[in-house]
Amino acid sequence: MRSFRLQMLARSTTRTHRQEAGIALLISIFILLLISVVAIALVVSSGTESALAGNYRSATGVYYAALSGLEEARGRLRSKNSEAFTTTNASGFLPAPGTALAVGATYYLINPVGGEPITPWDSSSTYADNQFGVEFGPSGFAAPTNPSPTALSVWNRNPLLALNLPGPLYKWVRINAVSEKSAGIDADNDNLADSTAPLYYDGAHFSNNPSAGPQVLELTSFAMLPNGSQKILQYLVAPTQLNLNLPAAVTIDGNTPKFTAPTSPSFWVHGNDQGSVGTCNPNPTPFIAVGYTNGPLSNFLQPTNPTGVPAGLQNHYTNGVVASNPDIVNVTLSPNLQTVAGLNSLVQTITQNADVVVNHNATQADLPASMSATNPMTIAVNGDLVLSGWHGTGYGLLLITGDMTNTSTPAFTYDPDASWDGIVLVIGKGWIYSHQGAFAATQILGALLLAKTVDTSNNPLPSSSPPGSSYFDFSYSPATNPYGIGYSSCWIQAAMPVLPYKVLSFHEIASQ
């Protein structure tokens, strides 16, 4: 009996072990299945992340490819750029500077790779410009000009770049004029974006009036990567304007200016416009000889001002048609010239866009030899400038701020043997000095502006205050030849710095 019981117990134990072994197998299979699911999820997740990363790389790459096209076109619109369209396309890619682009006319900067044909105006081509019809179709321009004038990208035009360096993969950039209707902008405030006239920019607002300012241009860039990713980006741009209002041959800006007049009968200040430059001819309407912003006229004349203009020489300050002399009158300047902050901003803008910046006290040796009547330049001198014994002529815009560590020296010492055609700005110390004797016939032809933005210790004045007491110090000895300062609107225009095209708007367009 006992043996039987032991056998039964053994059988029961064996059966239990077998059941437990079956459960363990199920658990093992479940764990393996769970691990497999997790592994598969990780693989899928990794693949998704890789796909997302790839998509992001493509999206970023094609975005910057399109953006590079916009920036190349914007940079090459500037005539001072060594790769400017006006320089690299002798046959004339765009209309001559100053000529407005017609709405509906299209110009393309193209960037072919490996000689591929890029003809955006052809709707059946690989890289057709279908976006043009979306914007201009309602105005009656269903397609771009066929064929359109084209210019090659610098990556194709320059053989050194084309040899080894792959450029950005944009295909084309369209340059064209815009209107209210094409851009969806209500420029004339009639609650309708319906005008098809070109748009212009006055520095703050769009306008249909050509006299408001420079024309607004549209730049549209299309990029495509080898994997098929596409992007269209668009700028509205306009040339940056230097807000520089020069109403007189000599403008003395600020409180109670000091004025020392030459006693020579050969010295003149003429407000009548003179001097042709290229196709620009003088304005028949005269300008002011000497304009000032503060103080009475008596501050400029003898005997109230012992160093002022003698009575016998007051008719040497004339615009040519005034009934009474001298033509030294109070003027109101543009807002940016009325405060120290505005003047400092002007100095900064000019300096940032100057052809030559001299950051020390300078002489004629520091002036660029390459400036000429056909190549006026912008020179900024952050220090005193002394022109002495120089028998040359300068061309362009000359800005002198002065040496702020020395209160006893003028910012600009002008040797009358020298001439300047263009604009002379003495902003900072605001002190121009010339005490030479007999000399050859010389002149400043264009305009001269004096403004003092520092106090008597050459410390900056408060930014919101008007400029201080600038100093016009021209007490020459008798001279044998006529000399002086004459207004020239043509030289003022020629000397204005060419500033970058400003981006007025930027947006992305859904791929075509």
Foldseek 3Di string as FASTA:
>chain_A
DVVVVVVVVVVVVVVVVVVVVVVVVVVVVVVVVVVVVVVVVVVVVVVVVVVVVVVVVLVVQQVVLQVVQVVQQLQLCFPVDPNHPVNPPVVDQDPDPPDDFAAQAKGKAFEDDPPDDDFQQDPPDPNHDQVVCVLCVVVPNNTHPVRHRYDYGCCPVPVVNVPPPDDRQWGMKMKGFAALRSVVHDQPPPPDSDDRAGWADQPDGIHSDPVSHFTKMKIWIWGADPVGDIWIKMFTWGFDDLQDDFQEQEEEFAELAAEADAPALQAAFEQAADDDADPDGTDRDGGFRYEYAYDDPLNQEPPSPVRHDDPVNQVRGPNPDDPDGDRYYYDDGPPLQFWLQSLVVSLVQLQVQFPEEAEEEEEPVRDDPPDDSVRATRYEYAAAYEYPPDQEEHAAEYEFQHDLQDLPDFRYEDEQSYEYQEEYEHEACQEYEYAEEAYDAYEYEAHYYGFHQADSSSHGDPGGHGTHHHYDYHHYYHYDHHYYTYHHPNRHVVRGGRGGIDGPDMDIDPDD
